[in-house]
N, C-alpha and C. Protein backbone atom coordinates (compact mmCIF):
# COMPACT_ATOMS: atom_id res chain seq x y z
N MET A 1 11.34 18.67 48.16
CA MET A 1 12.78 18.19 47.83
C MET A 1 12.93 16.74 47.57
N GLU A 2 12.33 15.95 48.46
CA GLU A 2 12.42 14.54 48.48
C GLU A 2 11.71 13.96 47.13
N SER A 3 10.67 14.67 46.64
CA SER A 3 10.15 14.09 45.43
C SER A 3 10.88 14.19 44.33
N LEU A 4 11.82 15.06 44.20
CA LEU A 4 12.78 15.15 43.05
C LEU A 4 13.72 13.84 43.02
N TYR A 5 13.93 13.28 44.08
CA TYR A 5 14.82 12.00 44.01
C TYR A 5 13.89 10.85 43.37
N LEU A 6 12.51 10.98 43.15
CA LEU A 6 11.99 9.89 42.47
C LEU A 6 11.62 10.54 41.09
N LEU A 7 11.13 11.74 40.98
CA LEU A 7 10.79 12.36 39.74
C LEU A 7 11.75 12.38 38.67
N LEU A 8 12.96 12.69 39.20
CA LEU A 8 14.11 12.96 38.13
C LEU A 8 14.55 11.73 37.41
N PRO A 9 14.65 10.60 38.32
CA PRO A 9 15.05 9.46 37.49
C PRO A 9 13.98 8.88 36.55
N VAL A 10 12.70 8.99 37.18
CA VAL A 10 11.67 8.46 36.46
C VAL A 10 11.58 9.25 34.99
N SER A 11 11.67 10.52 35.02
CA SER A 11 11.57 11.45 33.75
C SER A 11 12.70 10.93 32.97
N VAL A 12 13.86 10.89 33.55
CA VAL A 12 14.99 10.51 32.61
C VAL A 12 14.85 9.24 31.91
N ALA A 13 14.30 8.10 32.72
CA ALA A 13 14.05 6.82 32.06
C ALA A 13 13.03 6.94 30.95
N LEU A 14 11.82 7.58 31.26
CA LEU A 14 10.92 7.84 30.36
C LEU A 14 11.28 8.54 29.07
N VAL A 15 12.20 9.57 29.15
CA VAL A 15 12.77 10.04 27.95
C VAL A 15 13.71 9.06 27.19
N LEU A 16 14.45 8.36 27.89
CA LEU A 16 15.42 7.24 27.26
C LEU A 16 14.48 6.47 26.55
N ALA A 17 13.48 5.98 27.02
CA ALA A 17 12.44 4.88 26.62
C ALA A 17 11.93 5.47 25.24
N LEU A 18 11.32 6.78 25.26
CA LEU A 18 10.80 7.23 24.13
C LEU A 18 11.90 7.50 22.98
N VAL A 19 13.20 7.81 23.31
CA VAL A 19 14.20 7.93 22.37
C VAL A 19 14.63 6.58 21.72
N GLY A 20 14.51 5.64 22.58
CA GLY A 20 14.62 4.18 22.04
C GLY A 20 13.56 3.71 21.15
N VAL A 21 12.25 4.03 21.61
CA VAL A 21 11.22 3.70 20.63
C VAL A 21 11.32 4.46 19.26
N PHE A 22 11.73 5.87 19.21
CA PHE A 22 11.83 6.60 18.00
C PHE A 22 13.05 5.89 17.24
N ALA A 23 14.20 5.73 17.88
CA ALA A 23 15.34 5.21 17.20
C ALA A 23 14.90 3.73 16.33
N TRP A 24 14.20 2.91 17.09
CA TRP A 24 13.59 1.66 16.64
C TRP A 24 12.83 1.95 15.28
N ALA A 25 11.91 2.86 15.55
CA ALA A 25 10.94 3.21 14.33
C ALA A 25 11.72 3.77 13.10
N VAL A 26 12.78 4.51 13.26
CA VAL A 26 13.62 4.93 12.18
C VAL A 26 14.35 3.86 11.57
N ASN A 27 15.00 2.96 12.51
CA ASN A 27 15.87 1.94 11.85
C ASN A 27 15.12 0.90 11.24
N SER A 28 13.78 0.78 11.67
CA SER A 28 12.98 -0.37 10.94
C SER A 28 12.14 0.05 9.86
N GLY A 29 12.44 1.27 9.30
CA GLY A 29 11.83 1.78 8.06
C GLY A 29 10.34 2.37 8.33
N GLN A 30 9.91 2.79 9.49
CA GLN A 30 8.50 3.38 9.59
C GLN A 30 8.28 4.62 8.84
N PHE A 31 9.48 5.32 8.64
CA PHE A 31 9.28 6.72 7.99
C PHE A 31 9.92 6.71 6.68
N ASP A 32 9.95 5.73 5.89
CA ASP A 32 10.73 5.63 4.66
C ASP A 32 9.90 6.41 3.53
N ASP A 33 8.58 6.16 3.47
CA ASP A 33 8.09 6.72 2.21
C ASP A 33 6.51 7.27 2.67
N LEU A 34 6.62 8.44 3.34
CA LEU A 34 5.41 9.03 3.81
C LEU A 34 4.41 9.56 2.70
N GLU A 35 5.02 10.00 1.66
CA GLU A 35 4.18 10.70 0.68
C GLU A 35 3.41 9.61 -0.15
N ARG A 36 3.97 8.45 -0.47
CA ARG A 36 3.14 7.55 -1.13
C ARG A 36 2.09 6.90 -0.40
N GLU A 37 2.32 6.66 0.91
CA GLU A 37 1.27 6.07 1.72
C GLU A 37 0.04 7.07 1.83
N GLY A 38 0.59 8.39 2.02
CA GLY A 38 -0.59 9.38 2.18
C GLY A 38 -1.34 9.36 0.88
N GLY A 39 -0.78 9.40 -0.26
CA GLY A 39 -1.37 9.36 -1.38
C GLY A 39 -2.39 8.15 -1.60
N ARG A 40 -1.86 7.07 -1.39
CA ARG A 40 -2.45 5.75 -1.48
C ARG A 40 -3.89 5.72 -0.59
N LEU A 41 -3.70 6.29 0.54
CA LEU A 41 -4.77 6.44 1.62
C LEU A 41 -5.85 7.34 0.86
N LEU A 42 -5.41 8.28 0.27
CA LEU A 42 -6.47 9.27 -0.15
C LEU A 42 -7.16 8.79 -1.70
N GLU A 43 -6.36 8.18 -2.29
CA GLU A 43 -6.81 7.76 -3.82
C GLU A 43 -7.61 6.55 -3.74
N GLY A 44 -7.40 5.58 -2.79
CA GLY A 44 -7.95 4.36 -2.92
C GLY A 44 -7.74 3.41 -4.23
N GLY A 45 -8.85 2.88 -4.75
CA GLY A 45 -8.43 2.15 -6.08
C GLY A 45 -7.91 0.92 -5.87
N ALA A 46 -6.96 0.53 -6.67
CA ALA A 46 -6.51 -0.85 -6.72
C ALA A 46 -5.69 -1.01 -5.49
N ASP A 47 -4.98 -0.11 -4.98
CA ASP A 47 -4.14 -0.30 -3.69
C ASP A 47 -4.89 0.19 -2.38
N ALA A 48 -6.19 -0.12 -2.50
CA ALA A 48 -7.01 0.21 -1.24
C ALA A 48 -6.63 -0.82 -0.23
N SER A 49 -6.94 -0.41 1.04
CA SER A 49 -6.58 -1.48 2.22
C SER A 49 -7.57 -2.68 1.99
N PRO A 50 -6.93 -3.92 2.64
CA PRO A 50 -7.79 -5.05 2.67
C PRO A 50 -9.09 -4.93 3.22
N THR A 51 -9.18 -4.17 4.23
CA THR A 51 -10.36 -4.13 5.06
C THR A 51 -11.39 -3.33 4.18
N GLN A 52 -11.01 -2.17 3.44
CA GLN A 52 -12.09 -1.60 2.44
C GLN A 52 -12.55 -2.63 1.29
N GLU A 53 -11.52 -3.32 0.81
CA GLU A 53 -11.96 -4.27 -0.27
C GLU A 53 -12.88 -5.50 0.39
N ALA A 54 -12.46 -5.92 1.50
CA ALA A 54 -13.47 -7.04 2.15
C ALA A 54 -14.86 -6.38 2.28
N ALA A 55 -14.82 -5.10 2.92
CA ALA A 55 -16.08 -4.55 3.21
C ALA A 55 -17.02 -4.10 2.05
N SER A 56 -16.33 -3.93 0.99
CA SER A 56 -17.05 -3.56 -0.38
C SER A 56 -17.52 -4.86 -0.88
N ARG A 57 -17.03 -5.95 -0.71
CA ARG A 57 -17.47 -7.29 -1.27
C ARG A 57 -18.40 -7.90 -0.22
N GLY A 58 -18.64 -7.34 1.08
CA GLY A 58 -19.60 -7.79 2.01
C GLY A 58 -18.98 -9.01 2.80
N GLU A 59 -17.57 -9.12 2.77
CA GLU A 59 -16.99 -10.16 3.51
C GLU A 59 -16.72 -9.69 4.85
N ALA A 60 -16.52 -10.80 5.79
CA ALA A 60 -16.30 -10.54 7.20
C ALA A 60 -14.91 -9.91 7.26
N LEU A 61 -14.51 -9.01 8.00
CA LEU A 61 -13.24 -8.45 8.09
C LEU A 61 -12.34 -9.35 9.06
N ASP A 62 -12.89 -10.17 9.81
CA ASP A 62 -12.25 -11.21 10.77
C ASP A 62 -12.45 -12.50 10.28
N PRO A 63 -11.63 -13.38 9.98
CA PRO A 63 -11.97 -14.67 9.30
C PRO A 63 -12.62 -15.55 10.38
N ARG A 64 -12.37 -15.32 11.66
CA ARG A 64 -13.22 -16.01 12.73
C ARG A 64 -14.80 -15.71 12.76
N GLN A 65 -15.07 -14.56 12.24
CA GLN A 65 -16.46 -14.29 12.23
C GLN A 65 -17.41 -15.02 11.29
N GLY A 66 -16.70 -15.60 10.23
CA GLY A 66 -17.45 -16.68 9.38
C GLY A 66 -17.85 -15.97 8.06
């Protein structure tokens, strides 16, 4: 029974933190256009990620690597 005095507030705090992170993600636009990003990832081409483009040119992905 005494463990509930610790576990209940910790679980409530964890749920509130997760709700806060989810609210931040929604308000900052993380879920705005999921379809376009999924298509861009599958198609590649001109909209490919910078890491793919750099790797195809043989460049270092990290500028500090020379």
